[in-house]
Amino acid sequence: MRLRHWLALVVIAVALVAIASPAEVGELLGRPAKSSSETINLRATWGGALLGVGLAIGWARHETRARRIVSWVMWLMVGIGLARAVGFVLDGDPDRLQWIWIVAEVLIASGCAGWLLRSAPRGSAGERVVP
């Protein structure tokens, strides 16, 4: 296993702890959550972003700069969206803004994934080649 894979696993493990314990994250930041929506935000903003970074590190490939940037944006949105969804289930009572955020995260991640698929390098027979 490469060093970046180990680093990705460590970042993902820290992210999962942050997603699982938003109260502790809030205390550490000096911003304890006062509502379920604030708790969801703590999960998504800190744990979800870390999860996205870990996924991006683990999935990193030698690609063009544009594909690398779009890939990072996609994985960040996936991590944040997954953490927000966990918050919806565990914390309940998401406000309207939480729904707007999760829809935006899904749309951005889907758009990035679609662009990455369409821009994938092609082999000699025209098939897409995943690096």
Protein backbone atom coordinates (compact mmCIF):
# COMPACT_ATOMS: atom_id res chain seq x y z
CA MET A 1 0.00 0.00 0.00
CA ARG A 2 1.32 3.44 -0.91
CA LEU A 3 1.98 6.18 1.61
CA ARG A 4 -0.89 8.27 0.22
CA HIS A 5 -3.29 5.37 0.86
CA TRP A 6 -2.18 5.21 4.49
CA LEU A 7 -2.56 8.98 4.77
CA ALA A 8 -6.03 8.71 3.23
CA LEU A 9 -7.02 6.04 5.76
CA VAL A 10 -5.83 8.18 8.67
CA VAL A 11 -7.72 11.24 7.40
CA ILE A 12 -10.86 9.15 6.80
CA ALA A 13 -10.61 7.66 10.32
CA VAL A 14 -10.35 11.14 11.86
CA ALA A 15 -13.28 12.25 9.69
CA LEU A 16 -15.45 9.36 10.87
CA VAL A 17 -14.69 10.26 14.49
CA ALA A 18 -15.63 13.89 13.79
CA ILE A 19 -18.86 12.82 12.04
CA ALA A 20 -19.72 10.52 14.95
CA SER A 21 -19.07 13.13 17.65
CA PRO A 22 -20.30 16.59 16.60
CA ALA A 23 -20.74 17.72 20.22
CA GLU A 24 -17.03 17.19 20.89
CA VAL A 25 -16.10 18.96 17.64
CA GLY A 26 -18.29 21.90 18.66
CA GLU A 27 -16.68 22.05 22.10
CA LEU A 28 -13.21 21.86 20.58
CA LEU A 29 -14.06 24.77 18.28
CA GLY A 30 -15.73 26.71 21.06
CA ARG A 31 -19.01 26.64 19.10
CA PRO A 32 -21.34 24.09 20.69
CA ALA A 33 -24.44 23.37 18.64
CA LYS A 34 -27.69 24.83 19.92
CA SER A 35 -30.00 23.11 17.43
CA SER A 36 -30.19 19.99 15.29
CA SER A 37 -29.33 22.05 12.19
CA GLU A 38 -26.18 23.37 13.87
CA THR A 39 -25.26 19.80 14.82
CA ILE A 40 -25.79 18.70 11.21
CA ASN A 41 -23.56 21.59 10.09
CA LEU A 42 -20.80 20.52 12.49
CA ARG A 43 -20.94 16.97 11.10
CA ALA A 44 -20.93 18.15 7.48
CA THR A 45 -18.50 21.05 7.70
CA TRP A 46 -15.76 19.42 9.72
CA GLY A 47 -16.21 15.66 9.51
CA GLY A 48 -17.63 15.70 5.98
CA ALA A 49 -14.94 17.96 4.59
CA LEU A 50 -12.25 15.76 6.15
CA LEU A 51 -13.96 12.69 4.71
CA GLY A 52 -13.90 14.32 1.28
CA VAL A 53 -10.22 15.16 1.61
CA GLY A 54 -9.43 11.58 2.65
CA LEU A 55 -11.39 10.18 -0.29
CA ALA A 56 -9.67 12.58 -2.68
CA ILE A 57 -6.22 11.62 -1.38
CA GLY A 58 -7.02 7.92 -1.66
CA TRP A 59 -8.50 8.25 -5.14
CA ALA A 60 -5.80 10.59 -6.50
CA ARG A 61 -4.47 9.76 -9.93
CA HIS A 62 -1.90 11.26 -12.26
CA GLU A 63 -4.21 13.34 -14.38
CA THR A 64 -4.47 16.77 -15.88
CA ARG A 65 -4.82 19.69 -13.50
CA ALA A 66 -8.44 20.28 -14.53
CA ARG A 67 -9.43 16.66 -13.88
CA ARG A 68 -7.60 16.69 -10.54
CA ILE A 69 -9.39 19.87 -9.40
CA VAL A 70 -12.81 18.58 -10.50
CA SER A 71 -12.08 15.26 -8.77
CA TRP A 72 -11.24 17.04 -5.50
CA VAL A 73 -14.41 19.14 -5.69
CA MET A 74 -16.45 15.99 -6.34
CA TRP A 75 -14.96 14.09 -3.39
CA LEU A 76 -15.39 17.09 -1.06
CA MET A 77 -19.06 17.34 -2.01
CA VAL A 78 -19.50 13.57 -1.57
CA GLY A 79 -17.93 13.68 1.91
CA ILE A 80 -19.89 16.73 3.03
CA GLY A 81 -23.13 15.35 1.59
CA LEU A 82 -22.67 11.96 3.26
CA ALA A 83 -21.97 13.58 6.62
CA ARG A 84 -25.00 15.85 6.20
CA ALA A 85 -27.16 12.80 5.39
CA VAL A 86 -25.89 11.09 8.55
CA GLY A 87 -26.91 14.22 10.44
CA PHE A 88 -30.38 14.11 8.88
CA VAL A 89 -30.82 10.58 10.18
CA LEU A 90 -29.19 10.93 13.61
CA ASP A 91 -30.04 14.53 14.50
CA GLY A 92 -33.35 14.88 12.68
CA ASP A 93 -35.33 18.06 12.08
CA PRO A 94 -33.17 19.62 9.34
CA ASP A 95 -34.21 23.16 8.44
CA ARG A 96 -34.83 24.40 4.91
CA LEU A 97 -31.22 25.53 4.47
CA GLN A 98 -29.96 21.99 5.22
CA TRP A 99 -32.13 20.67 2.39
CA ILE A 100 -30.78 23.33 0.03
CA TRP A 101 -27.22 22.41 0.98
CA ILE A 102 -27.67 18.68 0.47
CA VAL A 103 -29.36 19.19 -2.92
CA ALA A 104 -26.50 21.49 -3.96
CA GLU A 105 -23.91 18.94 -2.81
CA VAL A 106 -25.58 16.14 -4.76
CA LEU A 107 -25.90 18.29 -7.88
CA ILE A 108 -22.29 19.49 -7.72
CA ALA A 109 -20.92 15.98 -7.08
CA SER A 110 -23.06 14.56 -9.91
CA GLY A 111 -21.98 17.30 -12.29
CA CYS A 112 -18.33 16.71 -11.46
CA ALA A 113 -18.71 12.93 -11.90
CA GLY A 114 -20.41 13.44 -15.26
CA TRP A 115 -17.68 15.79 -16.44
CA LEU A 116 -14.98 13.35 -15.29
CA LEU A 117 -16.65 10.52 -17.20
CA ARG A 118 -17.04 12.59 -20.37
CA SER A 119 -13.47 13.88 -20.23
CA ALA A 120 -11.84 10.50 -19.51
CA PRO A 121 -8.92 9.64 -21.80
CA ARG A 122 -9.76 7.34 -24.70
CA GLY A 123 -7.84 4.30 -25.91
CA SER A 124 -6.95 3.47 -29.51
CA ALA A 125 -10.36 1.82 -30.09
CA GLY A 126 -12.21 4.84 -28.71
CA GLU A 127 -13.11 3.27 -25.35
CA ARG A 128 -12.62 5.29 -22.20
CA VAL A 129 -9.48 4.42 -20.29
CA VAL A 130 -9.47 4.94 -16.54
CA PRO A 131 -5.92 5.90 -15.49
